[in-house]
């Protein structure tokens, strides 16, 4: 009589620490480096920020944080030149402070 365990003998036994380390490694692989902007892109973003503050436009901002690009859309409320950041109020009344150096792209929504 043949006693084969079938699929059971091919399943891997993994500890929670192994699963977590694999998830962390996959997350690290998805990280990117911060894009380098040229002077024209920076100037265009500055003009959009100033016009948004004046006219109340909604902007779609892309910012680099911890190896990934994050998106925030909302109205520019304040430009803090001392701290070198802008403050954006999103549609859910949340206030976000975004440093100038982390901005990657800004578009008018």
C-alpha atoms as a PDB file:
ATOM      1  CA  UNK A   1       0.000   0.000   0.000  1.00  0.00           C
ATOM      2  CA  UNK A   2       1.414   3.400  -1.030  1.00  0.00           C
ATOM      3  CA  UNK A   3       1.108   6.171   1.551  1.00  0.00           C
ATOM      4  CA  UNK A   4       1.846   9.394  -0.266  1.00  0.00           C
ATOM      5  CA  UNK A   5       1.305  12.676   1.565  1.00  0.00           C
ATOM      6  CA  UNK A   6       0.667  14.505  -1.715  1.00  0.00           C
ATOM      7  CA  UNK A   7       0.908  18.283  -1.513  1.00  0.00           C
ATOM      8  CA  UNK A   8       1.655  18.279   2.185  1.00  0.00           C
ATOM      9  CA  UNK A   9       5.245  17.159   1.713  1.00  0.00           C
ATOM     10  CA  UNK A  10       5.933  20.078  -0.655  1.00  0.00           C
ATOM     11  CA  UNK A  11       4.596  22.877   1.542  1.00  0.00           C
ATOM     12  CA  UNK A  12       7.273  25.004   3.123  1.00  0.00           C
ATOM     13  CA  UNK A  13       7.354  25.657   6.807  1.00  0.00           C
ATOM     14  CA  UNK A  14       8.228  29.302   7.390  1.00  0.00           C
ATOM     15  CA  UNK A  15       8.650  31.142  10.641  1.00  0.00           C
ATOM     16  CA  UNK A  16       6.982  34.545  11.056  1.00  0.00           C
ATOM     17  CA  UNK A  17      10.436  36.142  11.139  1.00  0.00           C
ATOM     18  CA  UNK A  18      11.209  34.695   7.704  1.00  0.00           C
ATOM     19  CA  UNK A  19       7.929  35.945   6.256  1.00  0.00           C
ATOM     20  CA  UNK A  20       8.568  39.423   7.658  1.00  0.00           C
ATOM     21  CA  UNK A  21      12.119  39.526   6.287  1.00  0.00           C
ATOM     22  CA  UNK A  22      10.854  38.534   2.821  1.00  0.00           C
ATOM     23  CA  UNK A  23       8.203  41.278   2.954  1.00  0.00           C
ATOM     24  CA  UNK A  24      10.849  43.815   4.027  1.00  0.00           C
ATOM     25  CA  UNK A  25      13.167  42.761   1.192  1.00  0.00           C
ATOM     26  CA  UNK A  26      10.383  43.142  -1.378  1.00  0.00           C
ATOM     27  CA  UNK A  27       9.525  46.566   0.037  1.00  0.00           C
ATOM     28  CA  UNK A  28      13.192  47.635  -0.210  1.00  0.00           C
ATOM     29  CA  UNK A  29      13.306  46.557  -3.863  1.00  0.00           C
ATOM     30  CA  UNK A  30      10.419  48.905  -4.720  1.00  0.00           C
ATOM     31  CA  UNK A  31      12.218  51.991  -3.361  1.00  0.00           C
ATOM     32  CA  UNK A  32      13.541  54.534  -5.846  1.00  0.00           C
ATOM     33  CA  UNK A  33      16.053  57.370  -5.694  1.00  0.00           C
ATOM     34  CA  UNK A  34      14.963  60.988  -5.630  1.00  0.00           C
ATOM     35  CA  UNK A  35      14.705  62.517  -9.114  1.00  0.00           C
ATOM     36  CA  UNK A  36      16.963  65.483  -9.867  1.00  0.00           C
ATOM     37  CA  UNK A  37      15.101  68.535 -11.177  1.00  0.00           C
ATOM     38  CA  UNK A  38      16.519  71.089 -13.586  1.00  0.00           C
ATOM     39  CA  UNK A  39      16.133  74.863 -13.259  1.00  0.00           C
ATOM     40  CA  UNK A  40      13.180  75.089 -15.665  1.00  0.00           C
ATOM     41  CA  UNK A  41      11.145  72.525 -13.731  1.00  0.00           C
ATOM     42  CA  UNK A  42      11.883  74.288 -10.433  1.00  0.00           C
ATOM     43  CA  UNK A  43      10.897  77.668 -11.893  1.00  0.00           C
ATOM     44  CA  UNK A  44       7.657  76.250 -13.320  1.00  0.00           C
ATOM     45  CA  UNK A  45       6.751  74.701  -9.944  1.00  0.00           C
ATOM     46  CA  UNK A  46       7.491  78.002  -8.164  1.00  0.00           C
ATOM     47  CA  UNK A  47       5.173  79.870 -10.528  1.00  0.00           C
ATOM     48  CA  UNK A  48       2.386  77.313 -10.047  1.00  0.00           C
ATOM     49  CA  UNK A  49       2.707  77.562  -6.259  1.00  0.00           C
ATOM     50  CA  UNK A  50       2.549  81.370  -6.314  1.00  0.00           C
ATOM     51  CA  UNK A  51      -0.401  81.433  -8.727  1.00  0.00           C
ATOM     52  CA  UNK A  52      -2.217  78.807  -6.676  1.00  0.00           C
ATOM     53  CA  UNK A  53      -1.772  80.885  -3.543  1.00  0.00           C
ATOM     54  CA  UNK A  54      -3.096  83.975  -5.340  1.00  0.00           C
ATOM     55  CA  UNK A  55      -6.004  82.445  -7.273  1.00  0.00           C
ATOM     56  CA  UNK A  56      -6.939  79.527  -5.002  1.00  0.00           C
ATOM     57  CA  UNK A  57      -6.216  76.786  -7.514  1.00  0.00           C
ATOM     58  CA  UNK A  58      -6.165  73.141  -6.503  1.00  0.00           C
ATOM     59  CA  UNK A  59      -2.735  71.610  -7.113  1.00  0.00           C
ATOM     60  CA  UNK A  60      -1.712  67.984  -7.464  1.00  0.00           C
ATOM     61  CA  UNK A  61       1.689  67.690  -5.754  1.00  0.00           C
ATOM     62  CA  UNK A  62       4.068  64.760  -6.025  1.00  0.00           C
ATOM     63  CA  UNK A  63       6.621  64.513  -3.239  1.00  0.00           C
ATOM     64  CA  UNK A  64       9.469  62.128  -2.560  1.00  0.00           C
ATOM     65  CA  UNK A  65       9.472  60.507   0.870  1.00  0.00           C
ATOM     66  CA  UNK A  66      11.252  57.360   2.081  1.00  0.00           C
ATOM     67  CA  UNK A  67      12.019  56.024  -1.382  1.00  0.00           C
ATOM     68  CA  UNK A  68       8.576  56.474  -2.899  1.00  0.00           C
ATOM     69  CA  UNK A  69       6.503  59.159  -4.592  1.00  0.00           C
ATOM     70  CA  UNK A  70       3.443  60.322  -2.665  1.00  0.00           C
ATOM     71  CA  UNK A  71       0.549  62.378  -4.050  1.00  0.00           C
ATOM     72  CA  UNK A  72      -1.254  65.199  -2.254  1.00  0.00           C
ATOM     73  CA  UNK A  73      -3.867  67.466  -3.799  1.00  0.00           C
ATOM     74  CA  UNK A  74      -5.241  70.621  -2.272  1.00  0.00           C
ATOM     75  CA  UNK A  75      -4.985  74.388  -1.921  1.00  0.00           C
ATOM     76  CA  UNK A  76      -1.739  76.158  -1.058  1.00  0.00           C
ATOM     77  CA  UNK A  77      -2.399  77.949   2.226  1.00  0.00           C
ATOM     78  CA  UNK A  78       1.029  79.323   3.159  1.00  0.00           C
ATOM     79  CA  UNK A  79       4.569  79.513   1.838  1.00  0.00           C
ATOM     80  CA  UNK A  80       7.083  79.414   4.694  1.00  0.00           C
ATOM     81  CA  UNK A  81      10.377  80.735   3.327  1.00  0.00           C
ATOM     82  CA  UNK A  82      12.144  80.434   6.676  1.00  0.00           C
ATOM     83  CA  UNK A  83      11.456  76.694   7.027  1.00  0.00           C
ATOM     84  CA  UNK A  84      11.530  76.263   3.227  1.00  0.00           C
ATOM     85  CA  UNK A  85       8.196  74.485   2.981  1.00  0.00           C
ATOM     86  CA  UNK A  86       4.681  74.981   1.681  1.00  0.00           C
ATOM     87  CA  UNK A  87       1.501  74.167   3.535  1.00  0.00           C
ATOM     88  CA  UNK A  88      -1.302  72.520   1.622  1.00  0.00           C
ATOM     89  CA  UNK A  89      -4.838  71.976   2.849  1.00  0.00           C
ATOM     90  CA  UNK A  90      -6.297  68.888   1.215  1.00  0.00           C
ATOM     91  CA  UNK A  91      -9.923  68.151   0.432  1.00  0.00           C
ATOM     92  CA  UNK A  92     -10.468  66.428   3.794  1.00  0.00           C
ATOM     93  CA  UNK A  93      -9.341  69.546   5.727  1.00  0.00           C
ATOM     94  CA  UNK A  94      -5.961  68.051   6.581  1.00  0.00           C
ATOM     95  CA  UNK A  95      -2.962  70.391   6.639  1.00  0.00           C
ATOM     96  CA  UNK A  96       0.297  69.086   5.167  1.00  0.00           C
ATOM     97  CA  UNK A  97       3.727  70.700   5.377  1.00  0.00           C
ATOM     98  CA  UNK A  98       5.861  69.798   2.365  1.00  0.00           C
ATOM     99  CA  UNK A  99       9.541  70.784   2.232  1.00  0.00           C
ATOM    100  CA  UNK A 100      10.672  72.392  -1.036  1.00  0.00           C
ATOM    101  CA  UNK A 101      13.467  69.852  -1.512  1.00  0.00           C
ATOM    102  CA  UNK A 102      11.035  66.909  -1.470  1.00  0.00           C
ATOM    103  CA  UNK A 103       8.786  68.255  -4.266  1.00  0.00           C
ATOM    104  CA  UNK A 104       9.092  66.288  -7.486  1.00  0.00           C
ATOM    105  CA  UNK A 105       6.225  67.585  -9.627  1.00  0.00           C
ATOM    106  CA  UNK A 106       3.287  69.972  -9.346  1.00  0.00           C
ATOM    107  CA  UNK A 107       0.322  70.169 -11.694  1.00  0.00           C
ATOM    108  CA  UNK A 108      -2.785  72.295 -11.761  1.00  0.00           C
ATOM    109  CA  UNK A 109      -5.798  70.100 -11.072  1.00  0.00           C
END
